[in-house]
PDB file of all heavy atoms in Angstrom:
ATOM      1  N   LEU A   1      -6.903  18.236   2.149  1.00  0.00           N
ATOM      2  CA  LEU A   1      -7.612  17.189   1.571  1.00  0.00           C
ATOM      3  C   LEU A   1      -8.526  16.461   2.594  1.00  0.00           C
ATOM      4  O   LEU A   1      -8.148  16.369   3.750  1.00  0.00           O
ATOM      5  CB  LEU A   1      -6.672  16.131   1.012  1.00  0.00           C
ATOM      6  CG  LEU A   1      -5.740  16.573  -0.208  1.00  0.00           C
ATOM      7  CD1 LEU A   1      -4.822  15.489  -0.423  1.00  0.00           C
ATOM      8  CD2 LEU A   1      -6.636  16.871  -1.321  1.00  0.00           C
ATOM      9  N   ARG A   2      -9.639  16.153   2.140  1.00  0.00           N
ATOM     10  CA  ARG A   2     -10.582  15.405   2.956  1.00  0.00           C
ATOM     11  C   ARG A   2     -10.070  13.961   3.263  1.00  0.00           C
ATOM     12  O   ARG A   2      -9.233  13.524   2.426  1.00  0.00           O
ATOM     13  CB  ARG A   2     -12.022  15.412   2.380  1.00  0.00           C
ATOM     14  CG  ARG A   2     -12.633  16.730   2.280  1.00  0.00           C
ATOM     15  CD  ARG A   2     -14.068  16.649   1.691  1.00  0.00           C
ATOM     16  NE  ARG A   2     -14.573  18.013   1.494  1.00  0.00           N
ATOM     17  CZ  ARG A   2     -15.819  18.232   0.949  1.00  0.00           C
ATOM     18  NH1 ARG A   2     -16.575  17.241   0.570  1.00  0.00           N
ATOM     19  NH2 ARG A   2     -16.259  19.463   0.926  1.00  0.00           N
ATOM     20  N   ARG A   3     -10.535  13.435   4.290  1.00  0.00           N
ATOM     21  CA  ARG A   3     -10.077  12.054   4.599  1.00  0.00           C
ATOM     22  C   ARG A   3     -10.331  11.039   3.540  1.00  0.00           C
ATOM     23  O   ARG A   3      -9.446  10.219   3.227  1.00  0.00           O
ATOM     24  CB  ARG A   3     -10.737  11.666   5.952  1.00  0.00           C
ATOM     25  CG  ARG A   3     -10.127  10.359   6.515  1.00  0.00           C
ATOM     26  CD  ARG A   3     -10.636  10.076   7.914  1.00  0.00           C
ATOM     27  NE  ARG A   3     -10.090   8.879   8.379  1.00  0.00           N
ATOM     28  CZ  ARG A   3     -10.430   8.326   9.596  1.00  0.00           C
ATOM     29  NH1 ARG A   3     -11.283   8.977  10.428  1.00  0.00           N
ATOM     30  NH2 ARG A   3      -9.844   7.218   9.990  1.00  0.00           N
ATOM     31  N   PRO A   4     -11.528  10.941   2.932  1.00  0.00           N
ATOM     32  CA  PRO A   4     -11.762  10.043   1.848  1.00  0.00           C
ATOM     33  C   PRO A   4     -10.860  10.154   0.610  1.00  0.00           C
ATOM     34  O   PRO A   4     -10.356   9.228   0.045  1.00  0.00           O
ATOM     35  CB  PRO A   4     -13.208  10.206   1.479  1.00  0.00           C
ATOM     36  CG  PRO A   4     -13.885  10.844   2.613  1.00  0.00           C
ATOM     37  CD  PRO A   4     -12.771  11.667   3.271  1.00  0.00           C
ATOM     38  N   GLU A   5     -10.584  11.449   0.288  1.00  0.00           N
ATOM     39  CA  GLU A   5      -9.662  11.761  -0.837  1.00  0.00           C
ATOM     40  C   GLU A   5      -8.184  11.343  -0.604  1.00  0.00           C
ATOM     41  O   GLU A   5      -7.404  10.792  -1.362  1.00  0.00           O
ATOM     42  CB  GLU A   5      -9.752  13.217  -1.223  1.00  0.00           C
ATOM     43  CG  GLU A   5     -11.061  13.679  -1.759  1.00  0.00           C
ATOM     44  CD  GLU A   5     -11.109  15.156  -2.007  1.00  0.00           C
ATOM     45  OE1 GLU A   5     -10.137  15.837  -1.581  1.00  0.00           O
ATOM     46  OE2 GLU A   5     -12.113  15.573  -2.683  1.00  0.00           O
ATOM     47  N   LEU A   6      -7.815  11.594   0.684  1.00  0.00           N
ATOM     48  CA  LEU A   6      -6.501  11.225   1.136  1.00  0.00           C
ATOM     49  C   LEU A   6      -6.193   9.625   1.133  1.00  0.00           C
ATOM     50  O   LEU A   6      -5.267   9.124   0.665  1.00  0.00           O
ATOM     51  CB  LEU A   6      -6.236  11.763   2.478  1.00  0.00           C
ATOM     52  CG  LEU A   6      -4.777  11.453   3.165  1.00  0.00           C
ATOM     53  CD1 LEU A   6      -3.764  12.092   2.231  1.00  0.00           C
ATOM     54  CD2 LEU A   6      -4.729  11.985   4.535  1.00  0.00           C
ATOM     55  N   LEU A   7      -7.307   8.932   1.525  1.00  0.00           N
ATOM     56  CA  LEU A   7      -7.250   7.462   1.408  1.00  0.00           C
ATOM     57  C   LEU A   7      -7.160   6.990   0.143  1.00  0.00           C
ATOM     58  O   LEU A   7      -6.387   6.055  -0.231  1.00  0.00           O
ATOM     59  CB  LEU A   7      -8.456   6.841   2.239  1.00  0.00           C
ATOM     60  CG  LEU A   7      -8.521   7.092   3.721  1.00  0.00           C
ATOM     61  CD1 LEU A   7      -9.808   6.498   4.357  1.00  0.00           C
ATOM     62  CD2 LEU A   7      -7.383   6.346   4.355  1.00  0.00           C
ATOM     63  N   ARG A   8      -7.918   7.583  -0.889  1.00  0.00           N
ATOM     64  CA  ARG A   8      -7.874   7.203  -2.270  1.00  0.00           C
ATOM     65  C   ARG A   8      -6.519   7.421  -2.881  1.00  0.00           C
ATOM     66  O   ARG A   8      -6.068   6.637  -3.708  1.00  0.00           O
ATOM     67  CB  ARG A   8      -8.931   8.016  -3.076  1.00  0.00           C
ATOM     68  CG  ARG A   8      -9.140   7.461  -4.552  1.00  0.00           C
ATOM     69  CD  ARG A   8     -10.247   8.213  -5.233  1.00  0.00           C
ATOM     70  NE  ARG A   8     -11.490   8.142  -4.573  1.00  0.00           N
ATOM     71  CZ  ARG A   8     -12.081   9.120  -3.940  1.00  0.00           C
ATOM     72  NH1 ARG A   8     -11.566  10.366  -3.886  1.00  0.00           N
ATOM     73  NH2 ARG A   8     -13.259   8.991  -3.354  1.00  0.00           N
ATOM     74  N   LEU A   9      -5.850   8.535  -2.463  1.00  0.00           N
ATOM     75  CA  LEU A   9      -4.600   8.821  -3.017  1.00  0.00           C
ATOM     76  C   LEU A   9      -3.534   7.918  -2.480  1.00  0.00           C
ATOM     77  O   LEU A   9      -2.595   7.461  -3.344  1.00  0.00           O
ATOM     78  CB  LEU A   9      -4.201  10.321  -2.642  1.00  0.00           C
ATOM     79  CG  LEU A   9      -2.813  10.800  -3.065  1.00  0.00           C
ATOM     80  CD1 LEU A   9      -2.734  10.730  -4.647  1.00  0.00           C
ATOM     81  CD2 LEU A   9      -2.591  12.203  -2.608  1.00  0.00           C
ATOM     82  N   LEU A  10      -3.687   7.534  -1.318  1.00  0.00           N
ATOM     83  CA  LEU A  10      -2.662   6.550  -0.659  1.00  0.00           C
ATOM     84  C   LEU A  10      -2.832   5.227  -1.349  1.00  0.00           C
ATOM     85  O   LEU A  10      -1.803   4.510  -1.531  1.00  0.00           O
ATOM     86  CB  LEU A  10      -2.909   6.374   0.816  1.00  0.00           C
ATOM     87  CG  LEU A  10      -2.636   7.670   1.641  1.00  0.00           C
ATOM     88  CD1 LEU A  10      -2.977   7.426   3.169  1.00  0.00           C
ATOM     89  CD2 LEU A  10      -1.018   7.996   1.511  1.00  0.00           C
ATOM     90  N   LEU A  11      -4.021   4.917  -1.729  1.00  0.00           N
ATOM     91  CA  LEU A  11      -4.277   3.587  -2.431  1.00  0.00           C
ATOM     92  C   LEU A  11      -3.697   3.568  -3.845  1.00  0.00           C
ATOM     93  O   LEU A  11      -3.236   2.529  -4.353  1.00  0.00           O
ATOM     94  CB  LEU A  11      -5.745   3.214  -2.429  1.00  0.00           C
ATOM     95  CG  LEU A  11      -6.362   2.890  -1.105  1.00  0.00           C
ATOM     96  CD1 LEU A  11      -7.889   2.740  -1.291  1.00  0.00           C
ATOM     97  CD2 LEU A  11      -5.757   1.615  -0.623  1.00  0.00           C
ATOM     98  N   LEU A  12      -3.748   4.746  -4.497  1.00  0.00           N
ATOM     99  CA  LEU A  12      -3.261   4.933  -5.874  1.00  0.00           C
ATOM    100  C   LEU A  12      -1.735   4.858  -5.989  1.00  0.00           C
ATOM    101  O   LEU A  12      -1.102   4.592  -7.017  1.00  0.00           O
ATOM    102  CB  LEU A  12      -3.842   6.117  -6.578  1.00  0.00           C
ATOM    103  CG  LEU A  12      -5.363   6.027  -6.847  1.00  0.00           C
ATOM    104  CD1 LEU A  12      -5.901   7.414  -7.495  1.00  0.00           C
ATOM    105  CD2 LEU A  12      -5.608   4.950  -7.892  1.00  0.00           C
ATOM    106  N   LEU A  13      -1.101   5.423  -4.898  1.00  0.00           N
ATOM    107  CA  LEU A  13       0.468   5.495  -5.039  1.00  0.00           C
ATOM    108  C   LEU A  13       1.085   4.218  -5.349  1.00  0.00           C
ATOM    109  O   LEU A  13       2.010   4.230  -6.222  1.00  0.00           O
ATOM    110  CB  LEU A  13       0.991   6.125  -3.687  1.00  0.00           C
ATOM    111  CG  LEU A  13       0.679   7.739  -3.469  1.00  0.00           C
ATOM    112  CD1 LEU A  13       1.143   8.091  -2.059  1.00  0.00           C
ATOM    113  CD2 LEU A  13       1.387   8.347  -4.574  1.00  0.00           C
ATOM    114  N   PRO A  14       0.713   3.107  -4.708  1.00  0.00           N
ATOM    115  CA  PRO A  14       1.436   1.864  -5.098  1.00  0.00           C
ATOM    116  C   PRO A  14       1.256   1.467  -6.568  1.00  0.00           C
ATOM    117  O   PRO A  14       2.197   1.085  -7.232  1.00  0.00           O
ATOM    118  CB  PRO A  14       0.876   0.769  -4.231  1.00  0.00           C
ATOM    119  CG  PRO A  14       0.310   1.572  -3.029  1.00  0.00           C
ATOM    120  CD  PRO A  14      -0.158   2.888  -3.628  1.00  0.00           C
ATOM    121  N   LEU A  15       0.001   1.794  -7.071  1.00  0.00           N
ATOM    122  CA  LEU A  15      -0.187   1.472  -8.504  1.00  0.00           C
ATOM    123  C   LEU A  15       0.576   2.402  -9.421  1.00  0.00           C
ATOM    124  O   LEU A  15       1.079   1.929 -10.472  1.00  0.00           O
ATOM    125  CB  LEU A  15      -1.747   1.675  -8.794  1.00  0.00           C
ATOM    126  CG  LEU A  15      -2.654   0.645  -7.961  1.00  0.00           C
ATOM    127  CD1 LEU A  15      -4.089   0.963  -8.346  1.00  0.00           C
ATOM    128  CD2 LEU A  15      -2.403  -0.813  -8.363  1.00  0.00           C
ATOM    129  N   LEU A  16       0.591   3.665  -9.121  1.00  0.00           N
ATOM    130  CA  LEU A  16       1.417   4.498  -9.941  1.00  0.00           C
ATOM    131  C   LEU A  16       2.834   4.245  -9.829  1.00  0.00           C
ATOM    132  O   LEU A  16       3.613   4.266 -10.856  1.00  0.00           O
ATOM    133  CB  LEU A  16       1.169   5.993  -9.364  1.00  0.00           C
ATOM    134  CG  LEU A  16      -0.130   6.566  -9.568  1.00  0.00           C
ATOM    135  CD1 LEU A  16      -0.290   8.012  -8.881  1.00  0.00           C
ATOM    136  CD2 LEU A  16      -0.523   6.787 -11.096  1.00  0.00           C
ATOM    137  N   GLY A  17       3.321   3.849  -8.700  1.00  0.00           N
ATOM    138  CA  GLY A  17       4.794   3.270  -8.568  1.00  0.00           C
ATOM    139  C   GLY A  17       4.982   2.121  -9.486  1.00  0.00           C
ATOM    140  O   GLY A  17       6.092   2.041 -10.246  1.00  0.00           O
ATOM    141  N   CYS A  18       4.081   1.161  -9.448  1.00  0.00           N
ATOM    142  CA  CYS A  18       4.310  -0.037 -10.336  1.00  0.00           C
ATOM    143  C   CYS A  18       4.276   0.312 -11.841  1.00  0.00           C
ATOM    144  O   CYS A  18       5.017  -0.167 -12.631  1.00  0.00           O
ATOM    145  CB  CYS A  18       3.146  -0.976 -10.065  1.00  0.00           C
ATOM    146  SG  CYS A  18       3.290  -1.781  -8.403  1.00  0.00           S
ATOM    147  N   ARG A  19       3.368   1.366 -12.118  1.00  0.00           N
ATOM    148  CA  ARG A  19       3.297   1.802 -13.611  1.00  0.00           C
ATOM    149  C   ARG A  19       4.647   2.395 -13.984  1.00  0.00           C
ATOM    150  O   ARG A  19       5.135   2.187 -15.085  1.00  0.00           O
ATOM    151  CB  ARG A  19       2.131   2.729 -13.762  1.00  0.00           C
ATOM    152  CG  ARG A  19       2.036   3.252 -15.213  1.00  0.00           C
ATOM    153  CD  ARG A  19       0.771   4.066 -15.356  1.00  0.00           C
ATOM    154  NE  ARG A  19       0.605   4.503 -16.714  1.00  0.00           N
ATOM    155  CZ  ARG A  19       0.052   3.771 -17.658  1.00  0.00           C
ATOM    156  NH1 ARG A  19      -0.394   2.556 -17.379  1.00  0.00           N
ATOM    157  NH2 ARG A  19      -0.051   4.290 -18.918  1.00  0.00           N
ATOM    158  N   LEU A  20       5.248   3.224 -13.078  1.00  0.00           N
ATOM    159  CA  LEU A  20       6.533   3.910 -13.433  1.00  0.00           C
ATOM    160  C   LEU A  20       7.611   2.885 -13.551  1.00  0.00           C
ATOM    161  O   LEU A  20       8.587   3.116 -14.285  1.00  0.00           O
ATOM    162  CB  LEU A  20       6.823   4.975 -12.341  1.00  0.00           C
ATOM    163  CG  LEU A  20       5.897   6.165 -12.272  1.00  0.00           C
ATOM    164  CD1 LEU A  20       6.227   7.025 -11.101  1.00  0.00           C
ATOM    165  CD2 LEU A  20       5.966   6.946 -13.602  1.00  0.00           C
ATOM    166  N   LEU A  21       7.525   1.757 -12.887  1.00  0.00           N
ATOM    167  CA  LEU A  21       8.606   0.778 -12.873  1.00  0.00           C
ATOM    168  C   LEU A  21       8.322  -0.248 -14.007  1.00  0.00           C
ATOM    169  O   LEU A  21       9.181  -1.237 -14.079  1.00  0.00           O
ATOM    170  CB  LEU A  21       8.678   0.091 -11.551  1.00  0.00           C
ATOM    171  CG  LEU A  21       9.149   0.969 -10.370  1.00  0.00           C
ATOM    172  CD1 LEU A  21       9.106   0.229  -9.053  1.00  0.00           C
ATOM    173  CD2 LEU A  21      10.559   1.554 -10.619  1.00  0.00           C
ATOM    174  N   ALA A  22       7.302  -0.138 -14.710  1.00  0.00           N
ATOM    175  CA  ALA A  22       6.920  -1.208 -15.767  1.00  0.00           C
ATOM    176  C   ALA A  22       7.403  -0.689 -17.180  1.00  0.00           C
ATOM    177  O   ALA A  22       7.250   0.421 -17.585  1.00  0.00           O
ATOM    178  CB  ALA A  22       5.490  -1.366 -15.831  1.00  0.00           C
ATOM    179  N   VAL A  23       8.087  -1.605 -17.889  1.00  0.00           N
ATOM    180  CA  VAL A  23       8.507  -1.291 -19.270  1.00  0.00           C
ATOM    181  C   VAL A  23       7.266  -1.161 -20.128  1.00  0.00           C
ATOM    182  O   VAL A  23       6.324  -2.006 -20.105  1.00  0.00           O
ATOM    183  CB  VAL A  23       9.458  -2.356 -19.868  1.00  0.00           C
ATOM    184  CG1 VAL A  23       8.853  -3.777 -19.909  1.00  0.00           C
ATOM    185  CG2 VAL A  23      10.044  -1.909 -21.129  1.00  0.00           C
ATOM    186  N   GLU A  24       7.206  -0.117 -21.000  1.00  0.00           N
ATOM    187  CA  GLU A  24       6.046   0.154 -21.849  1.00  0.00           C
ATOM    188  C   GLU A  24       6.523   0.599 -23.210  1.00  0.00           C
ATOM    189  O   GLU A  24       7.350   1.394 -23.316  1.00  0.00           O
ATOM    190  CB  GLU A  24       5.118   1.154 -21.080  1.00  0.00           C
ATOM    191  CG  GLU A  24       3.824   1.378 -21.893  1.00  0.00           C
ATOM    192  CD  GLU A  24       2.896   2.390 -21.254  1.00  0.00           C
ATOM    193  OE1 GLU A  24       3.254   2.858 -20.146  1.00  0.00           O
ATOM    194  OE2 GLU A  24       1.895   2.695 -21.806  1.00  0.00           O
ATOM    195  N   LEU A  25       5.925   0.026 -24.238  1.00  0.00           N
ATOM    196  CA  LEU A  25       6.263   0.302 -25.532  1.00  0.00           C
ATOM    197  C   LEU A  25       5.112   1.040 -26.325  1.00  0.00           C
ATOM    198  O   LEU A  25       3.962   0.975 -25.972  1.00  0.00           O
ATOM    199  CB  LEU A  25       6.576  -0.901 -26.399  1.00  0.00           C
ATOM    200  CG  LEU A  25       7.734  -1.779 -25.865  1.00  0.00           C
ATOM    201  CD1 LEU A  25       7.812  -3.045 -26.759  1.00  0.00           C
ATOM    202  CD2 LEU A  25       9.034  -0.999 -25.744  1.00  0.00           C
ATOM    203  N   THR A  26       5.535   1.886 -27.273  1.00  0.00           N
ATOM    204  CA  THR A  26       4.544   2.589 -28.181  1.00  0.00           C
ATOM    205  C   THR A  26       5.153   2.629 -29.571  1.00  0.00           C
ATOM    206  O   THR A  26       6.326   2.328 -29.774  1.00  0.00           O
ATOM    207  CB  THR A  26       4.225   4.020 -27.566  1.00  0.00           C
ATOM    208  OG1 THR A  26       3.101   4.514 -28.399  1.00  0.00           O
ATOM    209  CG2 THR A  26       5.477   4.867 -27.675  1.00  0.00           C
ATOM    210  N   SER A  27       4.406   3.162 -30.469  1.00  0.00           N
ATOM    211  CA  SER A  27       4.829   3.238 -31.917  1.00  0.00           C
ATOM    212  C   SER A  27       4.127   4.480 -32.506  1.00  0.00           C
ATOM    213  O   SER A  27       3.010   4.779 -32.240  1.00  0.00           O
ATOM    214  CB  SER A  27       4.529   1.988 -32.689  1.00  0.00           C
ATOM    215  OG  SER A  27       4.840   2.241 -33.975  1.00  0.00           O
ATOM    216  N   SER A  28       4.934   5.156 -33.443  1.00  0.00           N
ATOM    217  CA  SER A  28       4.338   6.266 -34.227  1.00  0.00           C
ATOM    218  C   SER A  28       3.451   5.818 -35.342  1.00  0.00           C
ATOM    219  O   SER A  28       2.765   6.602 -35.846  1.00  0.00           O
ATOM    220  CB  SER A  28       5.438   7.177 -34.623  1.00  0.00           C
ATOM    221  OG  SER A  28       6.334   6.494 -35.531  1.00  0.00           O
ATOM    222  N   ASN A  29       3.651   4.504 -35.750  1.00  0.00           N
ATOM    223  CA  ASN A  29       2.924   4.129 -36.876  1.00  0.00           C
ATOM    224  C   ASN A  29       2.884   2.519 -36.798  1.00  0.00           C
ATOM    225  O   ASN A  29       3.858   1.843 -37.008  1.00  0.00           O
ATOM    226  CB  ASN A  29       3.506   4.514 -38.240  1.00  0.00           C
ATOM    227  CG  ASN A  29       2.584   4.138 -39.377  1.00  0.00           C
ATOM    228  OD1 ASN A  29       1.491   3.600 -39.236  1.00  0.00           O
ATOM    229  ND2 ASN A  29       3.159   4.375 -40.537  1.00  0.00           N
ATOM    230  N   THR A  30       1.774   2.022 -36.533  1.00  0.00           N
ATOM    231  CA  THR A  30       1.597   0.544 -36.398  1.00  0.00           C
ATOM    232  C   THR A  30       1.203  -0.216 -37.687  1.00  0.00           C
ATOM    233  O   THR A  30       1.037  -1.375 -37.740  1.00  0.00           O
ATOM    234  CB  THR A  30       0.552   0.130 -35.286  1.00  0.00           C
ATOM    235  OG1 THR A  30      -0.707   0.740 -35.556  1.00  0.00           O
ATOM    236  CG2 THR A  30       1.104   0.589 -33.944  1.00  0.00           C
ATOM    237  N   ASN A  31       0.856   0.622 -38.787  1.00  0.00           N
ATOM    238  CA  ASN A  31       0.517   0.088 -39.995  1.00  0.00           C
ATOM    239  C   ASN A  31       1.246   0.805 -41.168  1.00  0.00           C
ATOM    240  O   ASN A  31       0.525   1.549 -42.053  1.00  0.00           O
ATOM    241  CB  ASN A  31      -0.996   0.247 -40.221  1.00  0.00           C
ATOM    242  CG  ASN A  31      -1.862  -0.647 -39.268  1.00  0.00           C
ATOM    243  OD1 ASN A  31      -1.926  -1.911 -39.470  1.00  0.00           O
ATOM    244  ND2 ASN A  31      -2.375  -0.120 -38.169  1.00  0.00           N
ATOM    245  N   PRO A  32       2.506   0.705 -41.232  1.00  0.00           N
ATOM    246  CA  PRO A  32       3.276   1.469 -42.315  1.00  0.00           C
ATOM    247  C   PRO A  32       2.982   0.758 -43.662  1.00  0.00           C
ATOM    248  O   PRO A  32       2.807  -0.452 -43.841  1.00  0.00           O
ATOM    249  CB  PRO A  32       4.720   1.251 -41.887  1.00  0.00           C
ATOM    250  CG  PRO A  32       4.703   0.060 -41.084  1.00  0.00           C
ATOM    251  CD  PRO A  32       3.443   0.009 -40.353  1.00  0.00           C
ATOM    252  N   VAL A  33       2.910   1.567 -44.758  1.00  0.00           N
ATOM    253  CA  VAL A  33       2.808   1.136 -46.036  1.00  0.00           C
ATOM    254  C   VAL A  33       3.946   1.734 -46.930  1.00  0.00           C
ATOM    255  O   VAL A  33       4.231   2.857 -46.848  1.00  0.00           O
ATOM    256  CB  VAL A  33       1.458   1.623 -46.588  1.00  0.00           C
ATOM    257  CG1 VAL A  33       1.315   1.187 -48.095  1.00  0.00           C
ATOM    258  CG2 VAL A  33       0.332   1.080 -45.814  1.00  0.00           C
ATOM    259  N   VAL A  34       4.530   0.902 -47.763  1.00  0.00           N
ATOM    260  CA  VAL A  34       5.700   1.298 -48.523  1.00  0.00           C
ATOM    261  C   VAL A  34       5.638   0.629 -49.900  1.00  0.00           C
ATOM    262  O   VAL A  34       5.022  -0.492 -50.009  1.00  0.00           O
ATOM    263  CB  VAL A  34       6.981   0.966 -47.839  1.00  0.00           C
ATOM    264  CG1 VAL A  34       7.251  -0.537 -47.668  1.00  0.00           C
ATOM    265  CG2 VAL A  34       8.167   1.575 -48.513  1.00  0.00           C
ATOM    266  N   GLN A  35       6.170   1.288 -50.890  1.00  0.00           N
ATOM    267  CA  GLN A  35       6.230   0.648 -52.265  1.00  0.00           C
ATOM    268  C   GLN A  35       7.554  -0.212 -52.300  1.00  0.00           C
ATOM    269  O   GLN A  35       8.490  -0.025 -51.681  1.00  0.00           O
ATOM    270  CB  GLN A  35       6.216   1.683 -53.395  1.00  0.00           C
ATOM    271  CG  GLN A  35       4.943   2.475 -53.438  1.00  0.00           C
ATOM    272  CD  GLN A  35       4.861   3.346 -54.682  1.00  0.00           C
ATOM    273  OE1 GLN A  35       5.694   3.193 -55.557  1.00  0.00           O
ATOM    274  NE2 GLN A  35       3.904   4.226 -54.695  1.00  0.00           N
ATOM    275  N   GLU A  36       7.382  -1.248 -53.110  1.00  0.00           N
ATOM    276  CA  GLU A  36       8.467  -2.199 -53.274  1.00  0.00           C
ATOM    277  C   GLU A  36       9.739  -1.478 -53.717  1.00  0.00           C
ATOM    278  O   GLU A  36       9.786  -0.576 -54.446  1.00  0.00           O
ATOM    279  CB  GLU A  36       8.143  -3.282 -54.338  1.00  0.00           C
ATOM    280  CG  GLU A  36       9.027  -4.440 -54.263  1.00  0.00           C
ATOM    281  CD  GLU A  36       8.609  -5.496 -55.348  1.00  0.00           C
ATOM    282  OE1 GLU A  36       7.877  -5.216 -56.363  1.00  0.00           O
ATOM    283  OE2 GLU A  36       8.863  -6.752 -55.089  1.00  0.00           O
ATOM    284  N   PHE A  37      10.836  -2.036 -53.061  1.00  0.00           N
ATOM    285  CA  PHE A  37      12.289  -1.484 -53.325  1.00  0.00           C
ATOM    286  C   PHE A  37      12.630  -0.212 -52.602  1.00  0.00           C
ATOM    287  O   PHE A  37      13.733   0.430 -52.723  1.00  0.00           O
ATOM    288  CB  PHE A  37      12.506  -1.356 -54.827  1.00  0.00           C
ATOM    289  CG  PHE A  37      12.295  -2.546 -55.596  1.00  0.00           C
ATOM    290  CD1 PHE A  37      11.380  -2.465 -56.758  1.00  0.00           C
ATOM    291  CD2 PHE A  37      12.758  -3.802 -55.247  1.00  0.00           C
ATOM    292  CE1 PHE A  37      11.085  -3.575 -57.505  1.00  0.00           C
ATOM    293  CE2 PHE A  37      12.413  -4.917 -55.980  1.00  0.00           C
ATOM    294  CZ  PHE A  37      11.577  -4.837 -57.081  1.00  0.00           C
ATOM    295  N   GLN A  38      11.672   0.345 -51.782  1.00  0.00           N
ATOM    296  CA  GLN A  38      11.906   1.426 -50.948  1.00  0.00           C
ATOM    297  C   GLN A  38      12.252   1.018 -49.597  1.00  0.00           C
ATOM    298  O   GLN A  38      12.020  -0.124 -49.187  1.00  0.00           O
ATOM    299  CB  GLN A  38      10.706   2.408 -51.005  1.00  0.00           C
ATOM    300  CG  GLN A  38      10.423   3.056 -52.361  1.00  0.00           C
ATOM    301  CD  GLN A  38       9.264   4.020 -52.345  1.00  0.00           C
ATOM    302  OE1 GLN A  38       8.594   4.189 -51.353  1.00  0.00           O
ATOM    303  NE2 GLN A  38       9.060   4.806 -53.443  1.00  0.00           N
ATOM    304  N   SER A  39      12.732   1.997 -48.697  1.00  0.00           N
ATOM    305  CA  SER A  39      13.019   1.749 -47.392  1.00  0.00           C
ATOM    306  C   SER A  39      11.906   2.139 -46.467  1.00  0.00           C
ATOM    307  O   SER A  39      11.067   3.019 -46.760  1.00  0.00           O
ATOM    308  CB  SER A  39      14.284   2.534 -46.922  1.00  0.00           C
ATOM    309  OG  SER A  39      15.379   2.232 -47.613  1.00  0.00           O
ATOM    310  N   VAL A  40      11.784   1.524 -45.292  1.00  0.00           N
ATOM    311  CA  VAL A  40      10.761   1.742 -44.300  1.00  0.00           C
ATOM    312  C   VAL A  40      11.255   1.652 -42.907  1.00  0.00           C
ATOM    313  O   VAL A  40      12.046   0.749 -42.644  1.00  0.00           O
ATOM    314  CB  VAL A  40       9.489   0.831 -44.628  1.00  0.00           C
ATOM    315  CG1 VAL A  40       9.917  -0.635 -44.383  1.00  0.00           C
ATOM    316  CG2 VAL A  40       8.339   1.220 -43.723  1.00  0.00           C
TER     317      VAL A  40
END
C-alpha cells in the first residue's frame, strides 16, 4: 500500500470500530398493511 492509502485506512479503523460497537436496527417492512381482525 502506498503511504497516502495506508494513512486513510488508519483513519477509518476507529470509525469502523465505533460502527461495529453501535446498536443498529432495521426492518423488513416499515409500512405493513393488514385487514381488520387479522394478525400482523
